[in-house]
Structures are given as C-alpha cells and as structure tokens.
Amino acid sequence: MRRKALGLLGFATGVAAGSVLYRRTLARRRERVDVYFEDGSMITYDDSSVEAASLLPVARDALDAARG
C-alpha cells in the first residue's frame, strides 16, 4: 500500500513538473508587442503581424538594455 502511494505521488509530481515546463516553453515561443495609449487603451501585435515586425527588434533592444 505504501509503495503504491509513493508511486502515485511520484507520478503526480512528474505530471505537475511537466505541465509547468510545457507552459513555460509555450510562453517563450510567442512574442508580442503590447502598445499602451495615453487614453488607457491597448493593442497587442503578435509576432506574425506586420506591425510587430518593425516593433519587436526595438522592444528586444530595450529589454536587453534594461536587463543590463
């Protein structure tokens, strides 16, 4: 009984860890640019849009500079 419980606990831990890694990997693949306007509105451009093609390099440079 104890061995079975430990096996189930190990399996559940593995599933949880796999889920976290999968979500992190999936989140890294998608790049997007969020543009906030003075009136409080916002628009998001994903990496496949024409607008993002010109904004993403600038955003990457800004993040690299902020990270030091």
C-alpha atoms as a PDB file:
ATOM      1  CA  MET A   1       0.000   0.000   0.000  1.00  0.00           C
ATOM      2  CA  ARG A   2       2.775   2.419   0.932  1.00  0.00           C
ATOM      3  CA  ARG A   3       4.736   1.655  -2.228  1.00  0.00           C
ATOM      4  CA  LYS A   4       1.636   2.302  -4.342  1.00  0.00           C
ATOM      5  CA  ALA A   5       1.063   5.657  -2.634  1.00  0.00           C
ATOM      6  CA  LEU A   6       4.671   6.689  -3.251  1.00  0.00           C
ATOM      7  CA  GLY A   7       4.347   5.676  -6.891  1.00  0.00           C
ATOM      8  CA  LEU A   8       1.210   7.762  -7.307  1.00  0.00           C
ATOM      9  CA  LEU A   9       2.854  10.705  -5.578  1.00  0.00           C
ATOM     10  CA  GLY A  10       5.874  10.450  -7.888  1.00  0.00           C
ATOM     11  CA  PHE A  11       3.641  10.240 -10.936  1.00  0.00           C
ATOM     12  CA  ALA A  12       1.605  13.284  -9.855  1.00  0.00           C
ATOM     13  CA  THR A  13       4.797  15.257  -9.189  1.00  0.00           C
ATOM     14  CA  GLY A  14       6.121  14.353 -12.630  1.00  0.00           C
ATOM     15  CA  VAL A  15       2.889  15.425 -14.311  1.00  0.00           C
ATOM     16  CA  ALA A  16       2.897  18.737 -12.446  1.00  0.00           C
ATOM     17  CA  ALA A  17       6.538  19.431 -13.327  1.00  0.00           C
ATOM     18  CA  GLY A  18       5.912  18.524 -16.967  1.00  0.00           C
ATOM     19  CA  SER A  19       2.929  20.834 -17.083  1.00  0.00           C
ATOM     20  CA  VAL A  20       4.951  23.762 -15.746  1.00  0.00           C
ATOM     21  CA  LEU A  21       7.786  23.147 -18.212  1.00  0.00           C
ATOM     22  CA  TYR A  22       5.361  22.851 -21.113  1.00  0.00           C
ATOM     23  CA  ARG A  23       3.653  26.139 -20.240  1.00  0.00           C
ATOM     24  CA  ARG A  24       6.979  27.948 -19.876  1.00  0.00           C
ATOM     25  CA  THR A  25       8.199  26.637 -23.211  1.00  0.00           C
ATOM     26  CA  LEU A  26       4.957  27.563 -24.931  1.00  0.00           C
ATOM     27  CA  ALA A  27       5.021  31.066 -23.447  1.00  0.00           C
ATOM     28  CA  ARG A  28       8.559  31.697 -24.711  1.00  0.00           C
ATOM     29  CA  ARG A  29       7.708  30.855 -28.285  1.00  0.00           C
ATOM     30  CA  ARG A  30       5.092  33.553 -28.621  1.00  0.00           C
ATOM     31  CA  GLU A  31       6.435  37.054 -28.858  1.00  0.00           C
ATOM     32  CA  ARG A  32       4.103  40.001 -28.854  1.00  0.00           C
ATOM     33  CA  VAL A  33       4.152  43.743 -28.522  1.00  0.00           C
ATOM     34  CA  ASP A  34       1.620  45.471 -26.282  1.00  0.00           C
ATOM     35  CA  VAL A  35       1.157  49.130 -27.158  1.00  0.00           C
ATOM     36  CA  TYR A  36      -0.470  51.257 -24.468  1.00  0.00           C
ATOM     37  CA  PHE A  37      -2.026  54.590 -25.353  1.00  0.00           C
ATOM     38  CA  GLU A  38      -2.475  57.669 -23.205  1.00  0.00           C
ATOM     39  CA  ASP A  39      -6.262  57.253 -23.099  1.00  0.00           C
ATOM     40  CA  GLY A  40      -5.839  53.862 -21.391  1.00  0.00           C
ATOM     41  CA  SER A  41      -6.487  51.699 -24.418  1.00  0.00           C
ATOM     42  CA  MET A  42      -4.127  48.982 -25.572  1.00  0.00           C
ATOM     43  CA  ILE A  43      -3.462  46.947 -28.683  1.00  0.00           C
ATOM     44  CA  THR A  44      -1.451  43.746 -28.974  1.00  0.00           C
ATOM     45  CA  TYR A  45       0.537  42.723 -32.039  1.00  0.00           C
ATOM     46  CA  ASP A  46       1.675  39.116 -32.194  1.00  0.00           C
ATOM     47  CA  ASP A  47       4.890  38.078 -33.873  1.00  0.00           C
ATOM     48  CA  SER A  48       3.172  37.230 -37.170  1.00  0.00           C
ATOM     49  CA  SER A  49       1.802  40.734 -37.763  1.00  0.00           C
ATOM     50  CA  VAL A  50       3.435  43.334 -39.994  1.00  0.00           C
ATOM     51  CA  GLU A  51       3.423  45.921 -37.220  1.00  0.00           C
ATOM     52  CA  ALA A  52       5.273  43.604 -34.854  1.00  0.00           C
ATOM     53  CA  ALA A  53       7.988  43.000 -37.429  1.00  0.00           C
ATOM     54  CA  SER A  54       9.148  46.583 -37.013  1.00  0.00           C
ATOM     55  CA  LEU A  55       8.467  46.870 -33.268  1.00  0.00           C
ATOM     56  CA  LEU A  56       9.940  43.591 -31.980  1.00  0.00           C
ATOM     57  CA  PRO A  57      13.606  44.436 -32.701  1.00  0.00           C
ATOM     58  CA  VAL A  58      13.206  47.751 -30.876  1.00  0.00           C
ATOM     59  CA  ALA A  59      11.500  46.005 -27.958  1.00  0.00           C
ATOM     60  CA  ARG A  60      14.263  43.379 -27.764  1.00  0.00           C
ATOM     61  CA  ASP A  61      16.917  46.121 -27.665  1.00  0.00           C
ATOM     62  CA  ALA A  62      15.024  47.949 -24.914  1.00  0.00           C
ATOM     63  CA  LEU A  63      14.716  44.779 -22.839  1.00  0.00           C
ATOM     64  CA  ASP A  64      18.381  43.937 -23.304  1.00  0.00           C
ATOM     65  CA  ALA A  65      19.359  47.444 -22.185  1.00  0.00           C
ATOM     66  CA  ALA A  66      17.057  47.243 -19.146  1.00  0.00           C
ATOM     67  CA  ARG A  67      18.443  43.877 -18.112  1.00  0.00           C
ATOM     68  CA  GLY A  68      21.964  45.208 -18.277  1.00  0.00           C
END
